[in-house]
C-alpha cells in the first residue's frame, strides 16, 4: 500500500511539474490558479518559487539548445543523428556568421517569451496572495480578533510568503 501511494504521489508530482513547465513557456492564468491551488492544498506553497525558478531556467536552456541544434541542422549537410550526438559547444562552433544573427534573434525571442511568462506568473501570485490576505483578515475579524491585530498577523504571514517568491525574482531582477 505504501509503495502504491508513493507511486501515485510521484505521478502526481510529475504532472504538477509538467504543468508548471508549460507555464514557463506560456503563461495561462487558469493553469496558474490550478498549480497555485495544488501547491497550497498539498502544503507545499513554499516550494513553488524554487520549482518555478528551476523550471524557468530549464526552459531557457532547453530552448537554447534546441534553437542551436535546429539552426545547425537546417544549414548543414551532416546527418541530423550525427549532429544530435555532438556537444552543444561543438554545434555552436558550426554556426556560420550568416546563421548566427537569426539564431541570436531566435534566442532573444525565446528569452523575452520566458521573461513575459515569468512576469505574469509573479504578478498573478501577488494578486492571488493579496486576495487571500484580504479574506484572511476578514475571517480573523469575524472570529473576534481586532482588525489591526488581524492585519498585523496576516502581514507577518505575507512577508514570509513574499520572501519565498522573491527567490524567483532574483533570476531576472527588474531594472
N, C-alpha and C. Protein backbone atom coordinates (compact mmCIF):
# COMPACT_ATOMS: atom_id res chain seq x y z
N UNK A 1 0.83 -1.19 0.00
CA UNK A 1 0.00 0.00 0.00
C UNK A 1 0.88 1.26 0.00
N UNK A 2 1.93 1.25 0.81
CA UNK A 2 2.82 2.42 0.88
C UNK A 2 3.51 2.65 -0.46
N UNK A 3 3.97 1.56 -1.09
CA UNK A 3 4.64 1.68 -2.39
C UNK A 3 3.67 2.23 -3.43
N UNK A 4 2.44 1.79 -3.36
CA UNK A 4 1.43 2.25 -4.32
C UNK A 4 1.13 3.74 -4.12
N UNK A 5 1.01 4.15 -2.86
CA UNK A 5 0.78 5.56 -2.56
C UNK A 5 1.97 6.41 -2.99
N UNK A 6 3.16 5.89 -2.80
CA UNK A 6 4.36 6.62 -3.19
C UNK A 6 4.40 6.80 -4.71
N UNK A 7 3.99 5.75 -5.44
CA UNK A 7 3.95 5.81 -6.90
C UNK A 7 2.92 6.85 -7.37
N UNK A 8 1.77 6.86 -6.71
CA UNK A 8 0.74 7.85 -7.04
C UNK A 8 1.24 9.26 -6.77
N UNK A 9 1.92 9.44 -5.65
CA UNK A 9 2.48 10.75 -5.31
C UNK A 9 3.50 11.20 -6.35
N UNK A 10 4.36 10.28 -6.79
CA UNK A 10 5.37 10.61 -7.81
C UNK A 10 4.70 10.99 -9.12
N UNK A 11 3.67 10.26 -9.51
CA UNK A 11 2.96 10.56 -10.75
C UNK A 11 2.28 11.93 -10.64
N UNK A 12 1.66 12.19 -9.49
CA UNK A 12 1.01 13.47 -9.25
C UNK A 12 2.03 14.61 -9.34
N UNK A 13 3.16 14.45 -8.65
CA UNK A 13 4.20 15.48 -8.67
C UNK A 13 4.73 15.69 -10.10
N UNK A 14 4.85 14.61 -10.87
CA UNK A 14 5.29 14.72 -12.26
C UNK A 14 4.32 15.53 -13.10
N UNK A 15 3.02 15.31 -12.89
CA UNK A 15 2.01 16.07 -13.63
C UNK A 15 2.03 17.55 -13.23
N UNK A 16 2.22 17.81 -11.95
CA UNK A 16 2.29 19.20 -11.49
C UNK A 16 3.53 19.87 -12.10
N UNK A 17 4.64 19.16 -12.12
CA UNK A 17 5.87 19.72 -12.70
C UNK A 17 5.70 19.98 -14.19
N UNK A 18 5.08 19.04 -14.90
CA UNK A 18 4.84 19.24 -16.34
C UNK A 18 3.95 20.45 -16.59
N UNK A 19 2.94 20.62 -15.75
CA UNK A 19 2.05 21.78 -15.89
C UNK A 19 2.80 23.07 -15.61
N UNK A 20 3.65 23.05 -14.60
CA UNK A 20 4.45 24.23 -14.28
C UNK A 20 5.43 24.54 -15.42
N UNK A 21 5.96 23.50 -16.06
CA UNK A 21 6.85 23.72 -17.23
C UNK A 21 6.11 24.44 -18.35
N UNK A 22 4.86 24.05 -18.57
CA UNK A 22 4.06 24.71 -19.60
C UNK A 22 3.85 26.18 -19.27
N UNK A 23 3.67 26.49 -17.99
CA UNK A 23 3.52 27.89 -17.58
C UNK A 23 4.79 28.68 -17.87
N UNK A 24 5.94 28.02 -17.80
CA UNK A 24 7.20 28.69 -18.09
C UNK A 24 7.28 29.10 -19.55
N UNK A 25 6.72 28.28 -20.41
CA UNK A 25 6.77 28.57 -21.84
C UNK A 25 5.75 29.63 -22.23
N UNK A 26 4.55 29.49 -21.67
CA UNK A 26 3.49 30.45 -21.98
C UNK A 26 2.54 30.54 -20.80
N UNK A 27 2.40 31.73 -20.25
CA UNK A 27 1.58 31.91 -19.07
C UNK A 27 0.11 31.79 -19.42
N UNK A 28 -0.62 31.09 -18.55
CA UNK A 28 -2.06 30.94 -18.66
C UNK A 28 -2.62 31.09 -17.24
N UNK A 29 -3.47 32.06 -17.05
CA UNK A 29 -3.96 32.36 -15.70
C UNK A 29 -4.69 31.19 -15.06
N UNK A 30 -5.53 30.50 -15.82
CA UNK A 30 -6.27 29.37 -15.26
C UNK A 30 -5.33 28.24 -14.84
N UNK A 31 -4.33 27.99 -15.66
CA UNK A 31 -3.35 26.97 -15.31
C UNK A 31 -2.57 27.39 -14.07
N UNK A 32 -2.22 28.67 -14.00
CA UNK A 32 -1.53 29.18 -12.82
C UNK A 32 -2.36 28.93 -11.56
N UNK A 33 -3.66 29.26 -11.65
CA UNK A 33 -4.54 29.07 -10.49
C UNK A 33 -4.55 27.60 -10.05
N UNK A 34 -4.62 26.68 -11.02
CA UNK A 34 -4.62 25.25 -10.68
C UNK A 34 -3.31 24.85 -10.00
N UNK A 35 -2.19 25.32 -10.51
CA UNK A 35 -0.89 24.99 -9.92
C UNK A 35 -0.77 25.61 -8.53
N UNK A 36 -1.17 26.86 -8.41
CA UNK A 36 -1.08 27.55 -7.13
C UNK A 36 -1.91 26.83 -6.07
N UNK A 37 -3.13 26.49 -6.43
CA UNK A 37 -4.03 25.79 -5.50
C UNK A 37 -3.47 24.41 -5.16
N UNK A 38 -2.90 23.73 -6.14
CA UNK A 38 -2.31 22.41 -5.89
C UNK A 38 -1.18 22.51 -4.88
N UNK A 39 -0.26 23.43 -5.08
CA UNK A 39 0.83 23.62 -4.13
C UNK A 39 0.28 24.00 -2.75
N UNK A 40 -0.74 24.84 -2.74
CA UNK A 40 -1.32 25.29 -1.47
C UNK A 40 -1.99 24.14 -0.74
N UNK A 41 -2.78 23.35 -1.44
CA UNK A 41 -3.52 22.25 -0.80
C UNK A 41 -2.61 21.12 -0.34
N UNK A 42 -1.47 20.98 -0.97
CA UNK A 42 -0.53 19.94 -0.54
C UNK A 42 0.47 20.49 0.47
N UNK A 43 0.19 21.70 0.95
CA UNK A 43 1.03 22.36 1.95
C UNK A 43 2.49 22.48 1.49
N UNK A 44 2.66 22.77 0.19
CA UNK A 44 3.99 22.92 -0.38
C UNK A 44 4.14 24.25 -1.10
N UNK A 45 3.33 25.22 -0.73
CA UNK A 45 3.39 26.52 -1.39
C UNK A 45 4.79 27.12 -1.33
N UNK A 46 5.49 26.84 -0.27
CA UNK A 46 6.86 27.34 -0.11
C UNK A 46 7.80 26.79 -1.19
N UNK A 47 7.43 25.67 -1.83
CA UNK A 47 8.27 25.09 -2.89
C UNK A 47 8.01 25.73 -4.26
N UNK A 48 6.91 26.43 -4.40
CA UNK A 48 6.52 26.95 -5.71
C UNK A 48 7.57 27.88 -6.30
N UNK A 49 8.12 28.78 -5.51
CA UNK A 49 9.14 29.70 -6.02
C UNK A 49 10.38 28.98 -6.51
N UNK A 50 10.87 28.03 -5.73
CA UNK A 50 12.05 27.26 -6.14
C UNK A 50 11.77 26.44 -7.39
N UNK A 51 10.61 25.78 -7.41
CA UNK A 51 10.27 24.96 -8.57
C UNK A 51 10.15 25.79 -9.84
N UNK A 52 9.46 26.92 -9.73
CA UNK A 52 9.30 27.80 -10.89
C UNK A 52 10.65 28.34 -11.34
N UNK A 53 11.47 28.75 -10.39
CA UNK A 53 12.80 29.27 -10.69
C UNK A 53 13.61 28.27 -11.51
N UNK A 54 13.67 27.04 -11.03
CA UNK A 54 14.44 26.00 -11.72
C UNK A 54 13.87 25.71 -13.10
N UNK A 55 12.54 25.67 -13.21
CA UNK A 55 11.92 25.34 -14.49
C UNK A 55 12.02 26.47 -15.50
N UNK A 56 12.01 27.72 -15.05
CA UNK A 56 12.22 28.83 -15.99
C UNK A 56 13.63 28.75 -16.57
N UNK A 57 14.60 28.47 -15.73
CA UNK A 57 15.98 28.33 -16.22
C UNK A 57 16.11 27.15 -17.17
N UNK A 58 15.47 26.04 -16.82
CA UNK A 58 15.50 24.85 -17.68
C UNK A 58 14.85 25.14 -19.04
N UNK A 59 13.77 25.91 -19.03
CA UNK A 59 13.09 26.27 -20.27
C UNK A 59 14.02 27.07 -21.19
N UNK A 60 14.75 28.01 -20.63
CA UNK A 60 15.69 28.80 -21.43
C UNK A 60 16.81 27.91 -21.96
N UNK A 61 17.37 27.09 -21.10
CA UNK A 61 18.49 26.23 -21.51
C UNK A 61 18.06 25.23 -22.59
N UNK A 62 16.95 24.57 -22.38
CA UNK A 62 16.45 23.60 -23.36
C UNK A 62 16.11 24.29 -24.67
N UNK A 63 15.46 25.44 -24.58
CA UNK A 63 15.11 26.19 -25.79
C UNK A 63 16.34 26.63 -26.56
N UNK A 64 17.35 27.07 -25.84
CA UNK A 64 18.59 27.49 -26.48
C UNK A 64 19.27 26.32 -27.19
N UNK A 65 19.34 25.18 -26.52
CA UNK A 65 19.95 24.00 -27.14
C UNK A 65 19.19 23.56 -28.38
N UNK A 66 17.86 23.57 -28.30
CA UNK A 66 17.04 23.20 -29.45
C UNK A 66 17.23 24.19 -30.60
N UNK A 67 17.28 25.47 -30.27
CA UNK A 67 17.47 26.51 -31.28
C UNK A 67 18.80 26.33 -32.00
N UNK A 68 19.87 26.10 -31.26
CA UNK A 68 21.19 25.92 -31.87
C UNK A 68 21.20 24.66 -32.73
N UNK A 69 20.67 23.56 -32.19
CA UNK A 69 20.65 22.31 -32.96
C UNK A 69 19.85 22.48 -34.25
N UNK A 70 18.65 23.04 -34.18
CA UNK A 70 17.82 23.15 -35.38
C UNK A 70 18.43 24.11 -36.40
N UNK A 71 19.10 25.17 -35.93
CA UNK A 71 19.75 26.11 -36.85
C UNK A 71 20.91 25.43 -37.57
N UNK A 72 21.71 24.70 -36.83
CA UNK A 72 22.85 23.99 -37.44
C UNK A 72 22.33 22.91 -38.38
N UNK A 73 21.34 22.14 -37.94
CA UNK A 73 20.80 21.05 -38.76
C UNK A 73 20.19 21.57 -40.06
N UNK A 74 19.53 22.72 -40.00
CA UNK A 74 18.89 23.29 -41.19
C UNK A 74 19.92 23.80 -42.21
N UNK A 75 21.11 24.12 -41.75
CA UNK A 75 22.12 24.70 -42.62
C UNK A 75 23.34 23.80 -42.80
N UNK A 76 23.18 22.51 -42.53
CA UNK A 76 24.32 21.60 -42.59
C UNK A 76 24.00 20.42 -43.50
N UNK A 77 25.05 19.89 -44.10
CA UNK A 77 24.91 18.70 -44.93
C UNK A 77 24.99 17.44 -44.08
N UNK A 78 25.42 17.60 -42.83
CA UNK A 78 25.58 16.44 -41.95
C UNK A 78 24.23 15.86 -41.55
N UNK A 79 24.23 14.56 -41.28
CA UNK A 79 23.04 13.85 -40.85
C UNK A 79 22.60 14.38 -39.48
N UNK A 80 21.29 14.53 -39.29
CA UNK A 80 20.76 15.05 -38.03
C UNK A 80 21.16 14.17 -36.85
N UNK A 81 21.22 12.86 -37.05
CA UNK A 81 21.62 11.94 -35.99
C UNK A 81 23.05 12.20 -35.54
N UNK A 82 23.94 12.48 -36.51
CA UNK A 82 25.33 12.78 -36.19
C UNK A 82 25.41 14.10 -35.42
N UNK A 83 24.64 15.08 -35.88
CA UNK A 83 24.63 16.38 -35.20
C UNK A 83 24.08 16.27 -33.78
N UNK A 84 23.06 15.45 -33.62
CA UNK A 84 22.43 15.31 -32.30
C UNK A 84 23.39 14.70 -31.28
N UNK A 85 24.32 13.88 -31.76
CA UNK A 85 25.29 13.25 -30.87
C UNK A 85 26.39 14.22 -30.44
N UNK A 86 26.50 15.35 -31.11
CA UNK A 86 27.57 16.30 -30.81
C UNK A 86 27.22 17.18 -29.62
N UNK A 87 28.26 17.67 -28.97
CA UNK A 87 28.05 18.53 -27.81
C UNK A 87 27.48 19.87 -28.25
N UNK A 88 26.89 20.53 -27.30
CA UNK A 88 26.32 21.85 -27.53
C UNK A 88 27.40 22.82 -28.02
N UNK A 89 28.57 22.76 -27.40
CA UNK A 89 29.67 23.64 -27.78
C UNK A 89 30.13 23.38 -29.21
N UNK A 90 30.17 22.11 -29.60
CA UNK A 90 30.56 21.76 -30.98
C UNK A 90 29.55 22.30 -31.98
N UNK A 91 28.28 22.26 -31.61
CA UNK A 91 27.24 22.78 -32.50
C UNK A 91 27.34 24.30 -32.64
N UNK A 92 27.61 24.99 -31.56
CA UNK A 92 27.75 26.44 -31.62
C UNK A 92 28.88 26.82 -32.57
N UNK A 93 29.95 26.07 -32.51
CA UNK A 93 31.10 26.34 -33.38
C UNK A 93 30.74 26.19 -34.85
N UNK A 94 29.71 25.42 -35.17
CA UNK A 94 29.30 25.20 -36.56
C UNK A 94 28.40 26.31 -37.10
N UNK A 95 27.97 27.22 -36.23
CA UNK A 95 27.14 28.32 -36.71
C UNK A 95 27.99 29.28 -37.54
N UNK A 96 27.55 29.52 -38.75
CA UNK A 96 28.27 30.47 -39.59
C UNK A 96 27.81 31.88 -39.25
N UNK A 97 28.52 32.86 -39.75
CA UNK A 97 28.14 34.24 -39.46
C UNK A 97 26.75 34.56 -40.03
N UNK A 98 26.38 33.92 -41.14
CA UNK A 98 25.07 34.19 -41.74
C UNK A 98 23.93 33.54 -40.93
N UNK A 99 24.22 32.49 -40.19
CA UNK A 99 23.17 31.86 -39.38
C UNK A 99 23.21 32.32 -37.92
N UNK A 100 24.28 32.98 -37.53
CA UNK A 100 24.41 33.42 -36.14
C UNK A 100 23.38 34.50 -35.79
N UNK A 101 23.19 35.47 -36.68
CA UNK A 101 22.25 36.56 -36.39
C UNK A 101 20.82 36.03 -36.24
N UNK A 102 20.31 35.20 -37.17
CA UNK A 102 18.96 34.65 -36.95
C UNK A 102 18.87 33.80 -35.68
N UNK A 103 19.94 33.08 -35.36
CA UNK A 103 19.94 32.28 -34.14
C UNK A 103 19.88 33.17 -32.91
N UNK A 104 20.62 34.27 -32.93
CA UNK A 104 20.60 35.21 -31.80
C UNK A 104 19.22 35.87 -31.67
N UNK A 105 18.60 36.19 -32.79
CA UNK A 105 17.25 36.76 -32.75
C UNK A 105 16.25 35.74 -32.18
N UNK A 106 16.43 34.49 -32.57
CA UNK A 106 15.58 33.43 -32.01
C UNK A 106 15.78 33.29 -30.51
N UNK A 107 17.02 33.39 -30.07
CA UNK A 107 17.32 33.33 -28.64
C UNK A 107 16.68 34.51 -27.92
N UNK A 108 16.80 35.69 -28.50
CA UNK A 108 16.20 36.88 -27.91
C UNK A 108 14.68 36.69 -27.76
N UNK A 109 14.05 36.17 -28.79
CA UNK A 109 12.61 35.94 -28.76
C UNK A 109 12.25 34.93 -27.67
N UNK A 110 13.04 33.86 -27.56
CA UNK A 110 12.82 32.85 -26.54
C UNK A 110 12.91 33.45 -25.13
N UNK A 111 13.98 34.17 -24.87
CA UNK A 111 14.18 34.76 -23.54
C UNK A 111 13.08 35.78 -23.23
N UNK A 112 12.70 36.59 -24.22
CA UNK A 112 11.62 37.56 -24.00
C UNK A 112 10.32 36.85 -23.64
N UNK A 113 10.01 35.77 -24.33
CA UNK A 113 8.80 35.00 -24.02
C UNK A 113 8.83 34.44 -22.61
N UNK A 114 9.97 33.93 -22.20
CA UNK A 114 10.10 33.38 -20.85
C UNK A 114 9.99 34.49 -19.81
N UNK A 115 10.60 35.64 -20.09
CA UNK A 115 10.52 36.76 -19.16
C UNK A 115 9.09 37.27 -19.01
N UNK A 116 8.36 37.34 -20.11
CA UNK A 116 6.96 37.78 -20.05
C UNK A 116 6.15 36.78 -19.22
N UNK A 117 6.37 35.50 -19.47
CA UNK A 117 5.66 34.47 -18.72
C UNK A 117 5.99 34.56 -17.23
N UNK A 118 7.26 34.75 -16.91
CA UNK A 118 7.67 34.84 -15.52
C UNK A 118 7.06 36.08 -14.85
N UNK A 119 7.06 37.19 -15.56
CA UNK A 119 6.47 38.41 -15.01
C UNK A 119 4.99 38.20 -14.71
N UNK A 120 4.27 37.60 -15.64
CA UNK A 120 2.84 37.35 -15.44
C UNK A 120 2.61 36.37 -14.30
N UNK A 121 3.48 35.38 -14.20
CA UNK A 121 3.41 34.40 -13.12
C UNK A 121 3.54 35.09 -11.77
N UNK A 122 4.56 35.93 -11.64
CA UNK A 122 4.80 36.62 -10.37
C UNK A 122 3.68 37.61 -10.06
N UNK A 123 3.17 38.31 -11.07
CA UNK A 123 2.08 39.25 -10.85
C UNK A 123 0.82 38.50 -10.39
N UNK A 124 0.53 37.37 -11.01
CA UNK A 124 -0.64 36.58 -10.62
C UNK A 124 -0.48 36.03 -9.21
N UNK A 125 0.73 35.63 -8.86
CA UNK A 125 0.98 35.13 -7.49
C UNK A 125 0.72 36.23 -6.47
N UNK A 126 1.19 37.42 -6.76
CA UNK A 126 0.98 38.54 -5.83
C UNK A 126 -0.50 38.93 -5.75
N UNK A 127 -1.20 38.92 -6.88
CA UNK A 127 -2.63 39.23 -6.87
C UNK A 127 -3.39 38.20 -6.04
N UNK A 128 -3.04 36.94 -6.25
CA UNK A 128 -3.71 35.87 -5.51
C UNK A 128 -3.45 36.02 -4.01
N UNK A 129 -2.23 36.31 -3.67
CA UNK A 129 -1.89 36.47 -2.26
C UNK A 129 -2.58 37.68 -1.64
N UNK A 130 -2.71 38.76 -2.39
CA UNK A 130 -3.42 39.94 -1.88
C UNK A 130 -4.88 39.59 -1.58
N UNK A 131 -5.51 38.83 -2.47
CA UNK A 131 -6.90 38.43 -2.25
C UNK A 131 -7.02 37.51 -1.04
N UNK A 132 -6.08 36.61 -0.89
CA UNK A 132 -6.08 35.70 0.25
C UNK A 132 -5.87 36.48 1.55
N UNK A 133 -4.98 37.46 1.52
CA UNK A 133 -4.73 38.28 2.71
C UNK A 133 -5.99 39.03 3.14
N UNK A 134 -6.70 39.59 2.19
CA UNK A 134 -7.93 40.31 2.50
C UNK A 134 -8.96 39.37 3.12
N UNK A 135 -9.11 38.20 2.52
CA UNK A 135 -10.07 37.22 3.04
C UNK A 135 -9.67 36.75 4.44
N UNK A 136 -8.40 36.47 4.64
CA UNK A 136 -7.94 36.05 5.96
C UNK A 136 -8.19 37.11 7.02
N UNK A 137 -7.91 38.35 6.67
CA UNK A 137 -8.14 39.44 7.61
C UNK A 137 -9.62 39.51 7.99
N UNK A 138 -10.50 39.43 6.99
CA UNK A 138 -11.94 39.47 7.26
C UNK A 138 -12.37 38.29 8.13
N UNK A 139 -11.82 37.09 7.84
CA UNK A 139 -12.17 35.90 8.62
C UNK A 139 -11.70 36.03 10.07
N UNK A 140 -10.50 36.55 10.26
CA UNK A 140 -9.99 36.72 11.63
C UNK A 140 -10.82 37.73 12.41
N UNK A 141 -11.19 38.81 11.76
CA UNK A 141 -12.03 39.82 12.42
C UNK A 141 -13.40 39.22 12.74
N UNK A 142 -13.95 38.45 11.81
CA UNK A 142 -15.26 37.81 12.03
C UNK A 142 -15.22 36.83 13.20
N UNK A 143 -14.03 36.29 13.49
CA UNK A 143 -13.88 35.34 14.60
C UNK A 143 -13.41 36.00 15.89
N UNK A 144 -13.51 37.33 15.94
CA UNK A 144 -13.26 38.01 17.20
C UNK A 144 -11.92 38.70 17.35
N UNK A 145 -11.03 38.59 16.40
CA UNK A 145 -9.74 39.27 16.52
C UNK A 145 -9.92 40.73 16.13
N UNK A 146 -9.18 41.60 16.78
CA UNK A 146 -9.25 43.01 16.42
C UNK A 146 -8.73 43.23 15.01
N UNK A 147 -9.24 44.24 14.34
CA UNK A 147 -8.88 44.47 12.94
C UNK A 147 -7.38 44.73 12.76
N UNK A 148 -6.81 45.56 13.61
CA UNK A 148 -5.37 45.86 13.50
C UNK A 148 -4.52 44.62 13.79
N UNK A 149 -4.91 43.87 14.80
CA UNK A 149 -4.20 42.63 15.15
C UNK A 149 -4.28 41.63 14.00
N UNK A 150 -5.45 41.53 13.38
CA UNK A 150 -5.64 40.61 12.25
C UNK A 150 -4.78 41.03 11.07
N UNK A 151 -4.77 42.33 10.78
CA UNK A 151 -3.94 42.83 9.68
C UNK A 151 -2.47 42.53 9.92
N UNK A 152 -2.01 42.73 11.17
CA UNK A 152 -0.61 42.50 11.52
C UNK A 152 -0.26 41.01 11.38
N UNK A 153 -1.15 40.14 11.84
CA UNK A 153 -0.91 38.69 11.74
C UNK A 153 -0.83 38.26 10.28
N UNK A 154 -1.74 38.77 9.48
CA UNK A 154 -1.75 38.40 8.05
C UNK A 154 -0.51 38.98 7.35
N UNK A 155 -0.12 40.18 7.70
CA UNK A 155 1.07 40.80 7.08
C UNK A 155 2.34 40.01 7.42
N UNK A 156 2.42 39.51 8.66
CA UNK A 156 3.58 38.69 9.04
C UNK A 156 3.66 37.43 8.18
N UNK A 157 2.50 36.79 7.97
CA UNK A 157 2.47 35.59 7.12
C UNK A 157 2.79 35.95 5.67
N UNK A 158 2.28 37.07 5.21
CA UNK A 158 2.53 37.50 3.83
C UNK A 158 4.01 37.80 3.61
N UNK A 159 4.66 38.38 4.60
CA UNK A 159 6.08 38.68 4.48
C UNK A 159 6.88 37.39 4.29
N UNK A 160 6.49 36.34 4.98
CA UNK A 160 7.18 35.05 4.83
C UNK A 160 6.97 34.49 3.42
N UNK A 161 5.75 34.60 2.91
CA UNK A 161 5.46 34.10 1.55
C UNK A 161 6.19 34.95 0.52
N UNK A 162 6.19 36.28 0.68
CA UNK A 162 6.90 37.16 -0.26
C UNK A 162 8.38 36.84 -0.32
N UNK A 163 8.96 36.52 0.81
CA UNK A 163 10.38 36.17 0.83
C UNK A 163 10.64 34.94 -0.04
N UNK A 164 9.71 34.00 -0.02
CA UNK A 164 9.87 32.81 -0.86
C UNK A 164 9.71 33.15 -2.34
N UNK A 165 8.73 33.99 -2.66
CA UNK A 165 8.52 34.35 -4.06
C UNK A 165 9.67 35.20 -4.61
N UNK A 166 10.34 35.93 -3.76
CA UNK A 166 11.47 36.74 -4.20
C UNK A 166 12.63 35.87 -4.71
N UNK A 167 12.66 34.62 -4.30
CA UNK A 167 13.69 33.73 -4.81
C UNK A 167 13.60 33.62 -6.33
N UNK A 168 12.39 33.63 -6.86
CA UNK A 168 12.23 33.59 -8.32
C UNK A 168 12.61 34.92 -8.94
N UNK A 169 12.38 36.03 -8.24
CA UNK A 169 12.70 37.36 -8.76
C UNK A 169 14.19 37.55 -9.00
N UNK A 170 15.04 36.90 -8.21
CA UNK A 170 16.47 37.17 -8.35
C UNK A 170 17.06 36.62 -9.64
N UNK A 171 16.35 35.73 -10.33
CA UNK A 171 16.84 35.19 -11.59
C UNK A 171 16.84 36.28 -12.67
N UNK A 172 15.74 37.00 -12.75
CA UNK A 172 15.60 38.07 -13.74
C UNK A 172 15.17 39.33 -13.00
N UNK A 173 16.07 39.99 -12.30
CA UNK A 173 15.69 41.15 -11.50
C UNK A 173 15.18 42.30 -12.36
N UNK A 174 14.21 43.03 -11.81
CA UNK A 174 13.73 44.23 -12.52
C UNK A 174 14.80 45.29 -12.44
N UNK A 175 14.88 46.07 -13.50
CA UNK A 175 15.92 47.12 -13.52
C UNK A 175 15.31 48.48 -13.51
